[in-house]
Protein backbone atom coordinates (compact mmCIF):
# COMPACT_ATOMS: atom_id res chain seq x y z
CA ASN A 1 6.00 -6.90 18.79
CA ALA A 2 6.10 -6.60 22.49
CA HIS A 3 2.45 -8.41 22.66
CA LEU A 4 4.15 -11.45 21.52
CA SER A 5 6.92 -11.45 24.04
CA GLY A 6 6.88 -14.86 26.06
CA ILE A 7 4.32 -16.29 23.21
CA LEU A 8 6.86 -17.00 20.55
CA PRO A 9 10.27 -18.70 20.85
CA ASP A 10 13.52 -16.54 21.23
CA GLN A 11 14.45 -17.74 17.64
CA ASN A 12 15.49 -15.72 14.70
CA ILE A 13 12.48 -15.97 12.25
CA SER A 14 13.58 -17.07 8.43
CA VAL A 15 11.63 -15.06 5.87
CA ILE A 16 11.43 -17.22 2.85
CA VAL A 17 10.72 -15.15 -0.53
CA ARG A 18 10.52 -15.90 -3.99
CA LEU A 19 13.50 -15.95 -6.23
CA ASP A 20 11.62 -15.65 -9.55
CA LYS A 21 9.30 -12.60 -10.13
CA SER A 22 5.82 -13.78 -9.42
CA GLY A 23 2.19 -12.53 -9.15
CA THR A 24 2.05 -14.11 -5.79
CA THR A 25 5.07 -11.88 -4.60
CA GLU A 26 3.40 -8.85 -6.19
CA ILE A 27 0.18 -9.41 -4.25
CA PHE A 28 2.01 -9.95 -0.82
CA THR A 29 4.21 -7.21 -1.18
CA SER A 30 1.44 -4.84 -2.33
CA GLY A 31 -0.68 -5.77 0.77
CA LEU A 32 2.48 -5.17 3.14
CA ASP A 33 3.04 -2.16 1.21
CA ALA A 34 -0.84 -0.89 1.77
CA PHE A 35 -0.59 -2.07 5.60
CA SER A 36 2.83 -0.50 6.52
CA SER A 37 4.38 2.78 5.78
CA ASP A 38 7.57 1.48 6.60
CA PHE A 39 7.56 -1.42 4.32
CA HIS A 40 6.83 1.16 1.71
CA ALA A 41 9.56 3.54 2.82
CA LEU A 42 12.14 0.66 2.98
CA TYR A 43 11.26 -1.05 -0.32
CA SER A 44 9.38 1.50 -2.20
CA GLY A 45 8.49 -1.15 -4.88
CA GLU A 46 11.63 -2.97 -5.34
CA PHE A 47 10.67 -5.79 -2.82
CA SER A 48 10.30 -8.60 -5.93
CA LYS A 49 14.16 -8.42 -5.91
CA PRO A 50 15.82 -10.88 -3.72
CA GLU A 51 19.12 -8.47 -3.27
CA VAL A 52 16.54 -5.75 -1.43
CA TRP A 53 15.53 -8.47 1.25
CA SER A 54 19.16 -9.17 1.96
CA GLY A 55 19.64 -6.53 4.65
CA SER A 56 21.08 -7.48 8.10
CA HIS A 57 17.69 -6.85 9.51
CA ILE A 58 16.03 -9.79 7.49
CA ASN A 59 17.17 -13.27 7.95
CA PHE A 60 15.91 -14.58 4.23
CA ALA A 61 16.11 -17.22 1.94
CA VAL A 62 15.06 -17.61 -1.51
CA SER A 63 13.14 -20.12 -3.40
CA SER A 64 11.38 -20.71 -6.70
CA GLY A 65 7.85 -20.99 -7.31
CA ASN A 66 4.79 -21.40 -4.67
CA SER A 67 5.69 -25.13 -4.28
CA GLY A 68 9.36 -24.41 -3.71
CA LEU A 69 8.68 -21.62 -1.26
CA ALA A 70 6.33 -23.95 0.68
CA ARG A 71 8.54 -26.77 0.94
CA THR A 72 11.47 -24.34 2.14
CA VAL A 73 9.20 -23.31 4.92
CA LEU A 74 8.06 -26.78 5.85
CA LEU A 75 11.93 -27.82 6.18
CA ARG A 76 13.23 -24.76 7.92
CA PRO A 77 12.66 -24.15 11.57
CA TYR A 78 11.06 -21.03 12.54
CA ALA A 79 10.51 -19.80 8.63
CA ILE A 80 7.48 -17.86 7.28
CA GLY A 81 6.62 -17.28 3.62
CA TYR A 82 3.91 -16.49 1.47
CA VAL A 83 1.96 -18.75 -1.16
CA THR A 84 -1.28 -18.75 -2.78
CA LEU A 85 -4.34 -20.16 -0.63
CA GLY A 86 -4.80 -23.18 -3.14
CA THR A 87 -1.04 -24.06 -2.41
CA ALA A 88 -1.18 -23.80 1.32
CA ARG A 89 -4.22 -26.02 1.03
CA ASP A 90 -2.53 -28.55 -1.02
CA LYS A 91 0.55 -28.74 0.89
CA LYS A 92 -1.43 -28.90 4.08
CA LEU A 93 0.38 -25.66 5.58
CA PRO A 94 -1.02 -23.73 8.53
CA TYR A 95 -1.71 -20.32 7.60
CA ALA A 96 -2.44 -17.03 9.78
CA SER A 97 -5.97 -15.14 9.89
CA ILE A 98 -5.48 -11.45 9.43
CA LYS A 99 -7.01 -8.35 11.22
CA ASN A 100 -8.34 -6.49 8.34
CA LYS A 101 -8.96 -2.74 7.84
CA ALA A 102 -12.41 -2.77 9.48
CA GLY A 103 -10.65 -4.56 12.46
CA ARG A 104 -11.87 -7.99 11.93
CA VAL A 105 -9.76 -10.90 12.37
CA ILE A 106 -10.47 -12.84 8.93
CA GLU A 107 -9.59 -16.25 7.77
CA ALA A 108 -8.56 -16.50 3.80
CA ASN A 109 -11.43 -18.70 2.18
CA GLU A 110 -13.49 -18.46 -0.87
CA ASP A 111 -15.88 -15.88 0.86
CA SER A 112 -13.26 -13.65 2.29
CA LEU A 113 -11.54 -13.50 -1.37
CA ALA A 114 -15.03 -13.04 -3.02
CA PHE A 115 -15.59 -9.92 -0.69
CA SER A 116 -12.38 -8.85 -1.94
CA ILE A 117 -13.40 -9.01 -5.36
CA MET A 118 -16.75 -7.35 -4.77
CA GLU A 119 -15.32 -4.34 -3.03
CA PHE A 120 -12.55 -3.70 -5.66
CA GLY A 121 -13.88 -5.43 -8.97
CA GLY A 122 -15.14 -2.43 -10.47
CA ASP A 123 -11.71 -0.66 -10.35
CA LEU A 124 -10.12 -2.32 -13.30
CA ASP A 125 -7.06 -0.55 -14.71
CA PRO A 126 -8.08 -0.59 -18.33
CA ALA A 127 -4.28 -0.49 -19.33
CA ARG A 128 -3.55 -3.57 -16.87
CA LEU A 129 -6.90 -5.33 -16.98
CA THR A 130 -6.31 -5.49 -13.26
CA ALA A 131 -6.92 -3.80 -9.78
CA SER A 132 -5.40 -3.81 -6.23
CA LEU A 133 -7.23 -5.98 -3.93
CA SER A 134 -5.02 -5.38 -1.01
CA ASP A 135 -6.46 -3.74 2.26
CA GLY A 136 -10.09 -3.62 1.53
CA ALA A 137 -12.53 -1.68 3.87
CA GLY A 138 -15.43 -4.20 3.87
CA GLN A 139 -16.07 -6.10 7.26
CA ASN A 140 -15.57 -9.42 5.50
CA VAL A 141 -12.64 -8.65 3.20
CA TRP A 142 -9.43 -10.62 2.95
CA PRO A 143 -6.80 -7.91 2.97
CA ILE A 144 -4.29 -9.77 0.46
CA ALA A 145 -5.78 -10.89 -2.76
CA GLY A 146 -5.49 -10.74 -6.52
CA TYR A 147 -6.48 -11.75 -9.66
CA THR A 148 -5.41 -14.97 -11.91
CA TYR A 149 -5.26 -14.73 -15.55
CA LEU A 150 -6.19 -17.10 -18.25
CA VAL A 151 -4.56 -16.21 -21.49
CA LEU A 152 -5.58 -18.24 -24.62
CA ARG A 153 -4.46 -17.52 -28.29
CA GLN A 154 -7.21 -16.18 -30.43
CA ARG A 155 -5.79 -17.74 -33.42
CA MET A 156 -4.29 -21.07 -33.32
CA THR A 157 -2.48 -22.38 -36.32
CA ASN A 158 -2.31 -25.68 -37.27
CA VAL A 159 -5.02 -26.78 -34.76
CA ASP A 160 -8.10 -28.45 -35.77
CA CYS A 161 -11.57 -27.68 -35.00
CA THR A 162 -11.81 -30.80 -32.74
CA LYS A 163 -8.91 -29.56 -30.61
CA ARG A 164 -10.26 -25.92 -30.35
CA GLU A 165 -13.67 -27.40 -29.10
CA ALA A 166 -11.82 -29.75 -26.55
CA VAL A 167 -10.06 -26.57 -24.87
CA LEU A 168 -13.33 -24.80 -24.91
CA ALA A 169 -14.80 -27.60 -23.14
CA PHE A 170 -12.42 -27.81 -20.73
CA TRP A 171 -12.57 -24.21 -19.63
CA THR A 172 -16.44 -24.27 -19.72
CA TRP A 173 -16.22 -27.05 -17.30
CA PHE A 174 -13.48 -25.38 -15.36
CA TYR A 175 -15.78 -22.38 -14.79
CA GLU A 176 -19.22 -23.95 -14.14
CA SER A 177 -18.08 -27.15 -12.27
CA SER A 178 -18.97 -27.83 -8.87
CA THR A 179 -16.12 -30.14 -8.53
CA VAL A 180 -13.59 -27.47 -9.27
CA ALA A 181 -15.30 -24.79 -6.98
CA ASP A 182 -15.06 -27.45 -4.32
CA ILE A 183 -11.17 -27.66 -4.93
């Protein structure tokens, strides 16, 4: 990018990607796919496979899990990567603000993620129970967002009612607690 000439050091950037298939990779790359026709043409849905990233135009390294990726970014000079907002905060990683489709520079936070969900929340794919939250047009939308799922067994065998009630109480607390909302 010519606008960054003289601002960034003249060093190769290492792109750190997930080795394992992950929702984080899917969400991040679907955002890149929505923003860039060049990215779409190069990777065409195959971007979660490490061998696709290994072309000579990308100096890349792989890592497992969000925590592993975060650790690799911290330890490697001139490295960039992608993790969840929660991981970035937990590991005290700096993270970028991004210009959204409306032309506003937006910081990732609870509000900008909520605006993404509000814009796309009604577009759920009934087969997958999900919707793409990438590249929304709203003024306050964070352009790279996705859903996290909680899956519980409907019928638990060999589990007494006390344990079932404890699981229900935990998830009720999790969704209603102001303590959790502040994390």
